[in-house]
Amino acid sequence: MKAIVILQAGGPEVLELKEQPMPQTEAHEVLVCIQAAGVNRPDVLMRQGKYAGSGDVAGMVPGLEIAGTVAACGAEVTRWQPGDAVCALLPAGGYAEYTAVDARHCLPVPTGLSMVEAAALPETVFTVWHNVFQRGALQPGETLLVHGGSSGIGTTAIQLARALGSRVAATAGDETKCSACRELGADWAINYKAEDFEQVLNEEGVDVILDMIGGDYTAKNLRLLKDDGRLVFVNAMQGGKGEFNAMDVMRRRLSITGSTLRPRSADFKAALAVEVEKHVWPLIAAGKFRPVIYKTFPLAEVAAAHRLMESSAHIGKIVLEV
């Protein structure tokens, strides 16, 4: 089969389409014939050798989410049959024609969604559900602030929070992206290059913040939170260090948390898949949430897809068609 292989840690040019052996399927796994694979910022970090838990990346096939059809099932698999349309969360290996995946990490392709749209779901939806609704415990009537509102994570968080009865504020880097956030349901869309989000939202306050920026956003985020507010990190693009007043955290009972998905156990991801199917798939069926697809690329043009991801010019998801 053909797959995209990382030759060594580096820029997009280190991604090369090569012949690889077919994956061997374990008893608890399914073999999926991949039709589309989502491109995510952790893929870029993996390619650069910077993603947590990725180790030596030479020879690795990136790709954390896919959609396709089941080609074969391991002896212990009971839910899936060959021919079933699934999307799946992977630890790696999605930029390929085939992959073997834990059957528990697969979900049915939602009715009415294309394979490209389905491939844009697992990594983003699993991340948002765990961080916003489990770790952040966002409740109906509360206000969520999403930094990077036009990203794949951001467009997902805005839609899910609104669908489940919360108000949403989002930051983005230009008016086109802010407009997209409003169209998805954001009550506030703040161009962080023209306005200070802390000043805009200071009177309102927020209950939960989903942050992928870190750095000097940290102190501002904590000042914005209402009493018992929750700050949740899913990345730290401006760096992992930020100063804050610990006394203020104690006085207002603030919570600071965060997570990365790839290093978590197979059992954790299986349990998260159950929750996602229970809570998010009905919202897709009801037309309350749909992944935003910005652009697709053929598998062989993966370097261009990564350059687009690194430019942050996109709104929503970038997907490879296999």
C-alpha atoms as a PDB file:
ATOM      1  CA  MET A   1       0.000   0.000   0.000  1.00  0.00           C
ATOM      2  CA  LYS A   2       0.979   3.644  -0.346  1.00  0.00           C
ATOM      3  CA  ALA A   3       1.512   5.821   2.718  1.00  0.00           C
ATOM      4  CA  ILE A   4       3.065   9.142   3.680  1.00  0.00           C
ATOM      5  CA  VAL A   5       6.251   8.534   5.673  1.00  0.00           C
ATOM      6  CA  ILE A   6       8.221  11.048   7.758  1.00  0.00           C
ATOM      7  CA  LEU A   7      11.814  10.728   6.544  1.00  0.00           C
ATOM      8  CA  GLN A   8      13.190  12.675   9.528  1.00  0.00           C
ATOM      9  CA  ALA A   9      12.048  15.483  11.789  1.00  0.00           C
ATOM     10  CA  GLY A  10      11.747  18.681   9.758  1.00  0.00           C
ATOM     11  CA  GLY A  11       9.611  20.786   7.434  1.00  0.00           C
ATOM     12  CA  PRO A  12       6.830  19.669   5.085  1.00  0.00           C
ATOM     13  CA  GLU A  13       9.423  18.450   2.584  1.00  0.00           C
ATOM     14  CA  VAL A  14      10.263  15.471   4.845  1.00  0.00           C
ATOM     15  CA  LEU A  15       6.855  13.911   4.060  1.00  0.00           C
ATOM     16  CA  GLU A  16       7.206  11.367   1.252  1.00  0.00           C
ATOM     17  CA  LEU A  17       4.747   9.008  -0.453  1.00  0.00           C
ATOM     18  CA  LYS A  18       6.226   5.513  -0.257  1.00  0.00           C
ATOM     19  CA  GLU A  19       5.237   1.863  -0.566  1.00  0.00           C
ATOM     20  CA  GLN A  20       4.681   0.311   2.836  1.00  0.00           C
ATOM     21  CA  PRO A  21       3.673  -3.191   3.982  1.00  0.00           C
ATOM     22  CA  MET A  22      -0.006  -3.773   4.692  1.00  0.00           C
ATOM     23  CA  PRO A  23      -0.845  -3.409   8.387  1.00  0.00           C
ATOM     24  CA  GLN A  24      -1.231  -6.613  10.392  1.00  0.00           C
ATOM     25  CA  THR A  25      -4.576  -6.738  12.204  1.00  0.00           C
ATOM     26  CA  GLU A  26      -4.743  -7.874  15.841  1.00  0.00           C
ATOM     27  CA  ALA A  27      -7.743  -9.799  17.194  1.00  0.00           C
ATOM     28  CA  HIS A  28      -9.335  -6.626  18.636  1.00  0.00           C
ATOM     29  CA  GLU A  29      -8.728  -4.503  15.534  1.00  0.00           C
ATOM     30  CA  VAL A  30     -10.335  -3.786  12.182  1.00  0.00           C
ATOM     31  CA  LEU A  31      -8.499  -3.123   8.935  1.00  0.00           C
ATOM     32  CA  VAL A  32      -9.864   0.036   7.324  1.00  0.00           C
ATOM     33  CA  CYS A  33      -9.553   0.974   3.662  1.00  0.00           C
ATOM     34  CA  ILE A  34      -9.029   4.709   4.083  1.00  0.00           C
ATOM     35  CA  GLN A  35     -10.851   7.185   1.871  1.00  0.00           C
ATOM     36  CA  ALA A  36     -10.034  10.411   3.730  1.00  0.00           C
ATOM     37  CA  ALA A  37      -7.729  11.526   6.547  1.00  0.00           C
ATOM     38  CA  GLY A  38      -7.950  14.679   8.638  1.00  0.00           C
ATOM     39  CA  VAL A  39      -4.932  16.966   8.985  1.00  0.00           C
ATOM     40  CA  ASN A  40      -4.360  18.318  12.499  1.00  0.00           C
ATOM     41  CA  ARG A  41      -1.824  20.539  14.208  1.00  0.00           C
ATOM     42  CA  PRO A  42      -0.459  17.574  16.218  1.00  0.00           C
ATOM     43  CA  ASP A  43       0.469  16.036  12.833  1.00  0.00           C
ATOM     44  CA  VAL A  44       2.665  19.083  12.188  1.00  0.00           C
ATOM     45  CA  LEU A  45       4.235  18.804  15.633  1.00  0.00           C
ATOM     46  CA  MET A  46       4.802  15.079  15.074  1.00  0.00           C
ATOM     47  CA  ARG A  47       6.506  15.809  11.748  1.00  0.00           C
ATOM     48  CA  GLN A  48       8.723  18.342  13.531  1.00  0.00           C
ATOM     49  CA  GLY A  49       9.546  15.834  16.271  1.00  0.00           C
ATOM     50  CA  LYS A  50       7.940  18.080  18.905  1.00  0.00           C
ATOM     51  CA  TYR A  51       4.684  16.299  19.779  1.00  0.00           C
ATOM     52  CA  ALA A  52       4.433  14.812  23.261  1.00  0.00           C
ATOM     53  CA  GLY A  53       5.087  11.096  23.218  1.00  0.00           C
ATOM     54  CA  SER A  54       6.041  10.900  19.540  1.00  0.00           C
ATOM     55  CA  GLY A  55       9.710   9.960  20.139  1.00  0.00           C
ATOM     56  CA  ASP A  56      11.901   9.381  17.082  1.00  0.00           C
ATOM     57  CA  VAL A  57       9.590  10.172  14.159  1.00  0.00           C
ATOM     58  CA  ALA A  58      11.746   8.829  11.286  1.00  0.00           C
ATOM     59  CA  GLY A  59       9.720   6.189   9.444  1.00  0.00           C
ATOM     60  CA  MET A  60       6.426   7.090  11.119  1.00  0.00           C
ATOM     61  CA  VAL A  61       3.176   7.544   9.193  1.00  0.00           C
ATOM     62  CA  PRO A  62       1.274  10.541  10.638  1.00  0.00           C
ATOM     63  CA  GLY A  63      -2.486  10.963  10.757  1.00  0.00           C
ATOM     64  CA  LEU A  64      -4.753  10.830  13.812  1.00  0.00           C
ATOM     65  CA  GLU A  65      -8.201  10.492  12.226  1.00  0.00           C
ATOM     66  CA  ILE A  66      -9.621   8.750   9.180  1.00  0.00           C
ATOM     67  CA  ALA A  67     -12.803   7.632   7.454  1.00  0.00           C
ATOM     68  CA  GLY A  68     -13.247   4.653   5.182  1.00  0.00           C
ATOM     69  CA  THR A  69     -14.713   1.177   4.921  1.00  0.00           C
ATOM     70  CA  VAL A  70     -13.926  -1.878   7.015  1.00  0.00           C
ATOM     71  CA  ALA A  71     -11.896  -4.340   4.927  1.00  0.00           C
ATOM     72  CA  ALA A  72     -11.401  -7.063   7.551  1.00  0.00           C
ATOM     73  CA  CYS A  73     -12.145  -7.753  11.205  1.00  0.00           C
ATOM     74  CA  GLY A  74     -10.074  -9.396  13.919  1.00  0.00           C
ATOM     75  CA  ALA A  75     -11.408 -12.504  15.648  1.00  0.00           C
ATOM     76  CA  GLU A  76     -12.649 -10.609  18.733  1.00  0.00           C
ATOM     77  CA  VAL A  77     -14.501  -7.858  16.834  1.00  0.00           C
ATOM     78  CA  THR A  78     -18.291  -8.126  17.081  1.00  0.00           C
ATOM     79  CA  ARG A  79     -19.690  -4.689  16.187  1.00  0.00           C
ATOM     80  CA  TRP A  80     -18.234  -4.191  12.706  1.00  0.00           C
ATOM     81  CA  GLN A  81     -18.460  -6.139   9.451  1.00  0.00           C
ATOM     82  CA  PRO A  82     -16.512  -5.781   6.184  1.00  0.00           C
ATOM     83  CA  GLY A  83     -18.068  -2.991   4.150  1.00  0.00           C
ATOM     84  CA  ASP A  84     -19.169  -0.900   7.136  1.00  0.00           C
ATOM     85  CA  ALA A  85     -18.470   2.839   6.780  1.00  0.00           C
ATOM     86  CA  VAL A  86     -16.538   4.086   9.808  1.00  0.00           C
ATOM     87  CA  CYS A  87     -14.484   6.985  11.039  1.00  0.00           C
ATOM     88  CA  ALA A  88     -11.792   6.344  13.617  1.00  0.00           C
ATOM     89  CA  LEU A  89      -9.311   7.876  16.036  1.00  0.00           C
ATOM     90  CA  LEU A  90      -5.711   6.705  15.601  1.00  0.00           C
ATOM     91  CA  PRO A  91      -2.430   7.156  17.485  1.00  0.00           C
ATOM     92  CA  ALA A  92      -0.788   7.536  14.032  1.00  0.00           C
ATOM     93  CA  GLY A  93      -0.963   5.945  10.580  1.00  0.00           C
ATOM     94  CA  GLY A  94      -3.862   7.799   8.958  1.00  0.00           C
ATOM     95  CA  TYR A  95      -1.986   9.186   5.939  1.00  0.00           C
ATOM     96  CA  ALA A  96      -2.190   5.847   4.123  1.00  0.00           C
ATOM     97  CA  GLU A  97      -4.386   3.594   2.012  1.00  0.00           C
ATOM     98  CA  TYR A  98      -5.026   1.166   4.899  1.00  0.00           C
ATOM     99  CA  THR A  99      -4.688   1.160   8.655  1.00  0.00           C
ATOM    100  CA  ALA A 100      -5.376  -1.250  11.506  1.00  0.00           C
ATOM    101  CA  VAL A 101      -7.313   0.358  14.352  1.00  0.00           C
ATOM    102  CA  ASP A 102      -8.787  -0.713  17.688  1.00  0.00           C
ATOM    103  CA  ALA A 103     -12.402  -1.539  16.844  1.00  0.00           C
ATOM    104  CA  ARG A 104     -13.548   0.379  19.929  1.00  0.00           C
ATOM    105  CA  HIS A 105     -12.073   3.588  18.497  1.00  0.00           C
ATOM    106  CA  CYS A 106     -14.311   3.425  15.416  1.00  0.00           C
ATOM    107  CA  LEU A 107     -17.669   5.144  15.063  1.00  0.00           C
ATOM    108  CA  PRO A 108     -20.217   4.864  12.248  1.00  0.00           C
ATOM    109  CA  VAL A 109     -20.041   7.517   9.543  1.00  0.00           C
ATOM    110  CA  PRO A 110     -23.046   9.723  10.378  1.00  0.00           C
ATOM    111  CA  THR A 111     -25.908   9.585   7.900  1.00  0.00           C
ATOM    112  CA  GLY A 112     -25.700  12.453   5.438  1.00  0.00           C
ATOM    113  CA  LEU A 113     -21.977  13.124   5.903  1.00  0.00           C
ATOM    114  CA  SER A 114     -19.365  12.434   3.231  1.00  0.00           C
ATOM    115  CA  MET A 115     -16.210  10.484   3.952  1.00  0.00           C
ATOM    116  CA  VAL A 116     -14.275  13.777   3.866  1.00  0.00           C
ATOM    117  CA  GLU A 117     -16.573  15.262   6.508  1.00  0.00           C
ATOM    118  CA  ALA A 118     -16.456  12.099   8.616  1.00  0.00           C
ATOM    119  CA  ALA A 119     -12.652  12.098   8.538  1.00  0.00           C
ATOM    120  CA  ALA A 120     -12.742  15.585  10.080  1.00  0.00           C
ATOM    121  CA  LEU A 121     -14.620  14.377  13.170  1.00  0.00           C
ATOM    122  CA  PRO A 122     -12.684  12.013  15.487  1.00  0.00           C
ATOM    123  CA  GLU A 123      -9.595  13.931  16.645  1.00  0.00           C
ATOM    124  CA  THR A 124     -11.442  17.232  16.936  1.00  0.00           C
ATOM    125  CA  VAL A 125     -14.688  15.991  18.459  1.00  0.00           C
ATOM    126  CA  PHE A 126     -12.947  13.665  20.944  1.00  0.00           C
ATOM    127  CA  THR A 127     -10.669  16.553  21.987  1.00  0.00           C
ATOM    128  CA  VAL A 128     -13.504  19.068  22.391  1.00  0.00           C
ATOM    129  CA  TRP A 129     -15.848  16.677  24.177  1.00  0.00           C
ATOM    130  CA  HIS A 130     -13.233  15.648  26.711  1.00  0.00           C
ATOM    131  CA  ASN A 131     -11.791  19.105  27.350  1.00  0.00           C
ATOM    132  CA  VAL A 132     -14.850  21.360  27.169  1.00  0.00           C
ATOM    133  CA  PHE A 133     -17.584  19.089  28.499  1.00  0.00           C
ATOM    134  CA  GLN A 134     -15.741  16.576  30.700  1.00  0.00           C
ATOM    135  CA  ARG A 135     -12.718  18.438  32.080  1.00  0.00           C
ATOM    136  CA  GLY A 136     -14.276  21.903  31.700  1.00  0.00           C
ATOM    137  CA  ALA A 137     -17.772  20.728  32.743  1.00  0.00           C
ATOM    138  CA  LEU A 138     -19.479  23.379  30.579  1.00  0.00           C
ATOM    139  CA  GLN A 139     -23.156  23.649  31.494  1.00  0.00           C
ATOM    140  CA  PRO A 140     -26.204  25.035  29.644  1.00  0.00           C
ATOM    141  CA  GLY A 141     -26.482  28.755  30.304  1.00  0.00           C
ATOM    142  CA  GLU A 142     -22.752  29.170  30.967  1.00  0.00           C
ATOM    143  CA  THR A 143     -20.368  31.105  28.714  1.00  0.00           C
ATOM    144  CA  LEU A 144     -17.470  29.464  26.875  1.00  0.00           C
ATOM    145  CA  LEU A 145     -14.506  31.388  25.445  1.00  0.00           C
ATOM    146  CA  VAL A 146     -12.731  29.603  22.589  1.00  0.00           C
ATOM    147  CA  HIS A 147      -9.343  30.877  21.471  1.00  0.00           C
ATOM    148  CA  GLY A 148      -8.621  30.041  17.837  1.00  0.00           C
ATOM    149  CA  GLY A 149     -12.325  29.982  17.054  1.00  0.00           C
ATOM    150  CA  SER A 150     -11.811  29.459  13.317  1.00  0.00           C
ATOM    151  CA  SER A 151      -9.620  26.354  13.739  1.00  0.00           C
ATOM    152  CA  GLY A 152     -10.921  22.815  13.500  1.00  0.00           C
ATOM    153  CA  ILE A 153     -11.069  22.644  17.307  1.00  0.00           C
ATOM    154  CA  GLY A 154     -12.653  26.095  17.475  1.00  0.00           C
ATOM    155  CA  THR A 155     -15.395  25.547  14.891  1.00  0.00           C
ATOM    156  CA  THR A 156     -16.284  22.289  16.636  1.00  0.00           C
ATOM    157  CA  ALA A 157     -16.352  23.818  20.118  1.00  0.00           C
ATOM    158  CA  ILE A 158     -18.518  26.755  19.018  1.00  0.00           C
ATOM    159  CA  GLN A 159     -21.138  24.526  17.406  1.00  0.00           C
ATOM    160  CA  LEU A 160     -21.297  21.945  20.193  1.00  0.00           C
ATOM    161  CA  ALA A 161     -21.474  24.534  22.970  1.00  0.00           C
ATOM    162  CA  ARG A 162     -24.284  26.404  21.223  1.00  0.00           C
ATOM    163  CA  ALA A 163     -26.164  23.199  20.429  1.00  0.00           C
ATOM    164  CA  LEU A 164     -26.055  22.249  24.110  1.00  0.00           C
ATOM    165  CA  GLY A 165     -27.308  25.609  25.379  1.00  0.00           C
ATOM    166  CA  SER A 166     -24.231  27.685  26.197  1.00  0.00           C
ATOM    167  CA  ARG A 167     -23.189  31.146  25.066  1.00  0.00           C
ATOM    168  CA  VAL A 168     -19.918  31.356  23.158  1.00  0.00           C
ATOM    169  CA  ALA A 169     -17.198  33.936  22.660  1.00  0.00           C
ATOM    170  CA  ALA A 170     -14.372  33.295  20.200  1.00  0.00           C
ATOM    171  CA  THR A 171     -11.131  34.959  19.193  1.00  0.00           C
ATOM    172  CA  ALA A 172      -9.749  34.873  15.654  1.00  0.00           C
ATOM    173  CA  GLY A 173      -7.122  36.700  13.609  1.00  0.00           C
ATOM    174  CA  ASP A 174      -9.140  38.655  11.032  1.00  0.00           C
ATOM    175  CA  GLU A 175     -12.669  39.784  10.228  1.00  0.00           C
ATOM    176  CA  THR A 176     -13.312  36.937   7.770  1.00  0.00           C
ATOM    177  CA  LYS A 177     -12.551  34.401  10.488  1.00  0.00           C
ATOM    178  CA  CYS A 178     -14.609  36.361  13.027  1.00  0.00           C
ATOM    179  CA  SER A 179     -17.541  36.374  10.612  1.00  0.00           C
ATOM    180  CA  ALA A 180     -17.249  32.595  10.236  1.00  0.00           C
ATOM    181  CA  CYS A 181     -17.338  32.215  14.031  1.00  0.00           C
ATOM    182  CA  ARG A 182     -20.512  34.312  14.218  1.00  0.00           C
ATOM    183  CA  GLU A 183     -22.152  32.259  11.482  1.00  0.00           C
ATOM    184  CA  LEU A 184     -21.428  29.108  13.510  1.00  0.00           C
ATOM    185  CA  GLY A 185     -23.149  30.593  16.559  1.00  0.00           C
ATOM    186  CA  ALA A 186     -20.596  32.680  18.468  1.00  0.00           C
ATOM    187  CA  ASP A 187     -22.239  35.515  20.403  1.00  0.00           C
ATOM    188  CA  TRP A 188     -18.943  37.423  20.400  1.00  0.00           C
ATOM    189  CA  ALA A 189     -16.193  37.135  17.787  1.00  0.00           C
ATOM    190  CA  ILE A 190     -13.121  39.178  18.684  1.00  0.00           C
ATOM    191  CA  ASN A 191     -10.316  39.996  16.261  1.00  0.00           C
ATOM    192  CA  TYR A 192      -7.391  39.641  18.645  1.00  0.00           C
ATOM    193  CA  LYS A 193      -5.169  41.708  16.335  1.00  0.00           C
ATOM    194  CA  ALA A 194      -7.508  44.717  16.638  1.00  0.00           C
ATOM    195  CA  GLU A 195      -9.075  44.303  20.096  1.00  0.00           C
ATOM    196  CA  ASP A 196      -8.088  43.059  23.543  1.00  0.00           C
ATOM    197  CA  PHE A 197     -10.351  40.097  24.296  1.00  0.00           C
ATOM    198  CA  GLU A 198     -10.004  40.704  28.022  1.00  0.00           C
ATOM    199  CA  GLN A 199     -11.370  44.234  27.712  1.00  0.00           C
ATOM    200  CA  VAL A 200     -14.212  43.163  25.415  1.00  0.00           C
ATOM    201  CA  LEU A 201     -15.381  40.383  27.741  1.00  0.00           C
ATOM    202  CA  ASN A 202     -14.418  41.849  31.116  1.00  0.00           C
ATOM    203  CA  GLU A 203     -17.943  42.960  32.041  1.00  0.00           C
ATOM    204  CA  GLU A 204     -19.505  39.661  30.891  1.00  0.00           C
ATOM    205  CA  GLY A 205     -16.962  37.241  32.322  1.00  0.00           C
ATOM    206  CA  VAL A 206     -16.757  33.619  31.227  1.00  0.00           C
ATOM    207  CA  ASP A 207     -17.191  30.239  32.902  1.00  0.00           C
ATOM    208  CA  VAL A 208     -14.940  28.019  30.761  1.00  0.00           C
ATOM    209  CA  ILE A 209     -12.004  28.903  28.503  1.00  0.00           C
ATOM    210  CA  LEU A 210     -10.624  26.519  25.880  1.00  0.00           C
ATOM    211  CA  ASP A 211      -7.101  27.741  25.215  1.00  0.00           C
ATOM    212  CA  MET A 212      -4.577  26.632  22.628  1.00  0.00           C
ATOM    213  CA  ILE A 213      -2.378  29.748  22.936  1.00  0.00           C
ATOM    214  CA  GLY A 214      -0.811  29.791  26.403  1.00  0.00           C
ATOM    215  CA  GLY A 215       1.961  32.317  27.055  1.00  0.00           C
ATOM    216  CA  ASP A 216       0.723  35.763  28.048  1.00  0.00           C
ATOM    217  CA  TYR A 217      -2.898  34.714  27.441  1.00  0.00           C
ATOM    218  CA  THR A 218      -2.792  32.748  30.700  1.00  0.00           C
ATOM    219  CA  ALA A 219      -3.032  35.679  33.103  1.00  0.00           C
ATOM    220  CA  LYS A 220      -5.718  37.362  30.984  1.00  0.00           C
ATOM    221  CA  ASN A 221      -7.731  34.148  30.854  1.00  0.00           C
ATOM    222  CA  LEU A 222      -7.665  33.710  34.609  1.00  0.00           C
ATOM    223  CA  ARG A 223      -8.706  37.323  35.214  1.00  0.00           C
ATOM    224  CA  LEU A 224     -11.683  36.832  32.867  1.00  0.00           C
ATOM    225  CA  LEU A 225     -13.024  33.745  34.597  1.00  0.00           C
ATOM    226  CA  LYS A 226     -16.013  34.030  36.893  1.00  0.00           C
ATOM    227  CA  ASP A 227     -15.843  32.477  40.356  1.00  0.00           C
ATOM    228  CA  ASP A 228     -15.462  28.675  40.013  1.00  0.00           C
ATOM    229  CA  GLY A 229     -14.370  29.157  36.394  1.00  0.00           C
ATOM    230  CA  ARG A 230     -12.309  26.581  34.489  1.00  0.00           C
ATOM    231  CA  LEU A 231      -9.327  27.174  32.182  1.00  0.00           C
ATOM    232  CA  VAL A 232      -8.564  24.214  29.912  1.00  0.00           C
ATOM    233  CA  PHE A 233      -5.402  23.961  27.800  1.00  0.00           C
ATOM    234  CA  VAL A 234      -5.212  21.870  24.624  1.00  0.00           C
ATOM    235  CA  ASN A 235      -2.052  23.508  23.245  1.00  0.00           C
ATOM    236  CA  ALA A 236       0.359  26.327  24.081  1.00  0.00           C
ATOM    237  CA  MET A 237       1.339  27.887  20.760  1.00  0.00           C
ATOM    238  CA  GLN A 238       2.881  30.933  22.473  1.00  0.00           C
ATOM    239  CA  GLY A 239       4.747  28.784  24.984  1.00  0.00           C
ATOM    240  CA  GLY A 240       3.966  26.773  28.090  1.00  0.00           C
ATOM    241  CA  LYS A 241       5.030  29.379  30.637  1.00  0.00           C
ATOM    242  CA  GLY A 242       2.752  32.114  31.950  1.00  0.00           C
ATOM    243  CA  GLU A 243       2.541  34.026  35.217  1.00  0.00           C
ATOM    244  CA  PHE A 244      -0.602  34.207  37.324  1.00  0.00           C
ATOM    245  CA  ASN A 245      -1.671  35.081  40.836  1.00  0.00           C
ATOM    246  CA  ALA A 246      -2.128  31.880  42.838  1.00  0.00           C
ATOM    247  CA  MET A 247      -3.931  33.792  45.587  1.00  0.00           C
ATOM    248  CA  ASP A 248      -6.553  34.885  43.048  1.00  0.00           C
ATOM    249  CA  VAL A 249      -6.982  31.269  41.923  1.00  0.00           C
ATOM    250  CA  MET A 250      -7.669  30.260  45.516  1.00  0.00           C
ATOM    251  CA  ARG A 251      -9.901  33.210  46.337  1.00  0.00           C
ATOM    252  CA  ARG A 252     -12.148  32.648  43.312  1.00  0.00           C
ATOM    253  CA  ARG A 253     -11.869  28.830  43.312  1.00  0.00           C
ATOM    254  CA  LEU A 254     -10.555  28.673  39.748  1.00  0.00           C
ATOM    255  CA  SER A 255      -9.512  25.410  38.086  1.00  0.00           C
ATOM    256  CA  ILE A 256      -6.615  25.057  35.643  1.00  0.00           C
ATOM    257  CA  THR A 257      -6.446  21.838  33.639  1.00  0.00           C
ATOM    258  CA  GLY A 258      -5.731  20.484  30.171  1.00  0.00           C
ATOM    259  CA  SER A 259      -4.869  17.353  28.252  1.00  0.00           C
ATOM    260  CA  THR A 260      -3.331  15.768  25.190  1.00  0.00           C
ATOM    261  CA  LEU A 261      -5.209  12.912  23.558  1.00  0.00           C
ATOM    262  CA  ARG A 262      -2.648  10.773  21.744  1.00  0.00           C
ATOM    263  CA  PRO A 263      -0.776   9.420  24.813  1.00  0.00           C
ATOM    264  CA  ARG A 264      -3.962   8.332  26.610  1.00  0.00           C
ATOM    265  CA  SER A 265      -4.707   4.626  26.994  1.00  0.00           C
ATOM    266  CA  ALA A 266      -6.747   2.580  24.526  1.00  0.00           C
ATOM    267  CA  ASP A 267      -9.353   1.996  27.238  1.00  0.00           C
ATOM    268  CA  PHE A 268      -9.685   5.734  27.882  1.00  0.00           C
ATOM    269  CA  LYS A 269     -10.204   6.433  24.168  1.00  0.00           C
ATOM    270  CA  ALA A 270     -12.747   3.602  23.932  1.00  0.00           C
ATOM    271  CA  ALA A 271     -14.754   5.067  26.821  1.00  0.00           C
ATOM    272  CA  LEU A 272     -14.530   8.517  25.237  1.00  0.00           C
ATOM    273  CA  ALA A 273     -15.806   7.106  21.919  1.00  0.00           C
ATOM    274  CA  VAL A 274     -18.895   5.789  23.722  1.00  0.00           C
ATOM    275  CA  GLU A 275     -19.583   9.237  25.183  1.00  0.00           C
ATOM    276  CA  VAL A 276     -19.024  10.990  21.858  1.00  0.00           C
ATOM    277  CA  GLU A 277     -21.404   8.652  20.042  1.00  0.00           C
ATOM    278  CA  LYS A 278     -24.010   9.093  22.775  1.00  0.00           C
ATOM    279  CA  HIS A 279     -23.873  12.886  22.975  1.00  0.00           C
ATOM    280  CA  VAL A 280     -22.491  14.250  19.671  1.00  0.00           C
ATOM    281  CA  TRP A 281     -23.760  11.873  16.977  1.00  0.00           C
ATOM    282  CA  PRO A 282     -27.424  12.801  17.739  1.00  0.00           C
ATOM    283  CA  LEU A 283     -26.511  16.485  17.258  1.00  0.00           C
ATOM    284  CA  ILE A 284     -25.127  15.650  13.814  1.00  0.00           C
ATOM    285  CA  ALA A 285     -28.300  13.706  12.979  1.00  0.00           C
ATOM    286  CA  ALA A 286     -30.399  16.691  14.106  1.00  0.00           C
ATOM    287  CA  GLY A 287     -28.437  19.095  11.900  1.00  0.00           C
ATOM    288  CA  LYS A 288     -27.039  21.024  14.893  1.00  0.00           C
ATOM    289  CA  PHE A 289     -23.395  20.274  14.176  1.00  0.00           C
ATOM    290  CA  ARG A 290     -21.428  19.670  10.993  1.00  0.00           C
ATOM    291  CA  PRO A 291     -17.671  19.795  10.465  1.00  0.00           C
ATOM    292  CA  VAL A 292     -16.421  22.805   8.531  1.00  0.00           C
ATOM    293  CA  ILE A 293     -14.206  21.699   5.620  1.00  0.00           C
ATOM    294  CA  TYR A 294     -11.842  24.386   4.329  1.00  0.00           C
ATOM    295  CA  LYS A 295      -9.879  22.492   1.677  1.00  0.00           C
ATOM    296  CA  THR A 296      -9.005  18.968   0.578  1.00  0.00           C
ATOM    297  CA  PHE A 297      -5.742  17.728  -0.950  1.00  0.00           C
ATOM    298  CA  PRO A 298      -4.789  14.459  -2.662  1.00  0.00           C
ATOM    299  CA  LEU A 299      -2.636  12.270  -0.414  1.00  0.00           C
ATOM    300  CA  ALA A 300       0.439  12.963  -2.548  1.00  0.00           C
ATOM    301  CA  GLU A 301       0.090  16.722  -1.913  1.00  0.00           C
ATOM    302  CA  VAL A 302       0.385  16.356   1.862  1.00  0.00           C
ATOM    303  CA  ALA A 303       3.258  18.866   2.050  1.00  0.00           C
ATOM    304  CA  ALA A 304       0.949  21.582   0.688  1.00  0.00           C
ATOM    305  CA  ALA A 305      -1.682  20.608   3.246  1.00  0.00           C
ATOM    306  CA  HIS A 306       0.864  20.971   6.047  1.00  0.00           C
ATOM    307  CA  ARG A 307       2.019  24.343   4.752  1.00  0.00           C
ATOM    308  CA  LEU A 308      -1.593  25.535   4.787  1.00  0.00           C
ATOM    309  CA  MET A 309      -2.023  24.244   8.351  1.00  0.00           C
ATOM    310  CA  GLU A 310       1.118  26.070   9.467  1.00  0.00           C
ATOM    311  CA  SER A 311      -0.023  29.316   7.803  1.00  0.00           C
ATOM    312  CA  SER A 312      -3.210  29.336   9.934  1.00  0.00           C
ATOM    313  CA  ALA A 313      -5.018  30.815   6.913  1.00  0.00           C
ATOM    314  CA  HIS A 314      -7.707  28.133   6.996  1.00  0.00           C
ATOM    315  CA  ILE A 315     -11.157  28.173   8.593  1.00  0.00           C
ATOM    316  CA  GLY A 316     -12.180  24.728   9.855  1.00  0.00           C
ATOM    317  CA  LYS A 317     -10.594  21.496   8.739  1.00  0.00           C
ATOM    318  CA  ILE A 318      -8.054  20.405   6.130  1.00  0.00           C
ATOM    319  CA  VAL A 319      -8.515  16.868   4.807  1.00  0.00           C
ATOM    320  CA  LEU A 320      -6.472  14.501   2.624  1.00  0.00           C
ATOM    321  CA  GLU A 321      -8.358  12.415   0.055  1.00  0.00           C
ATOM    322  CA  VAL A 322      -6.865   8.959  -0.320  1.00  0.00           C
END
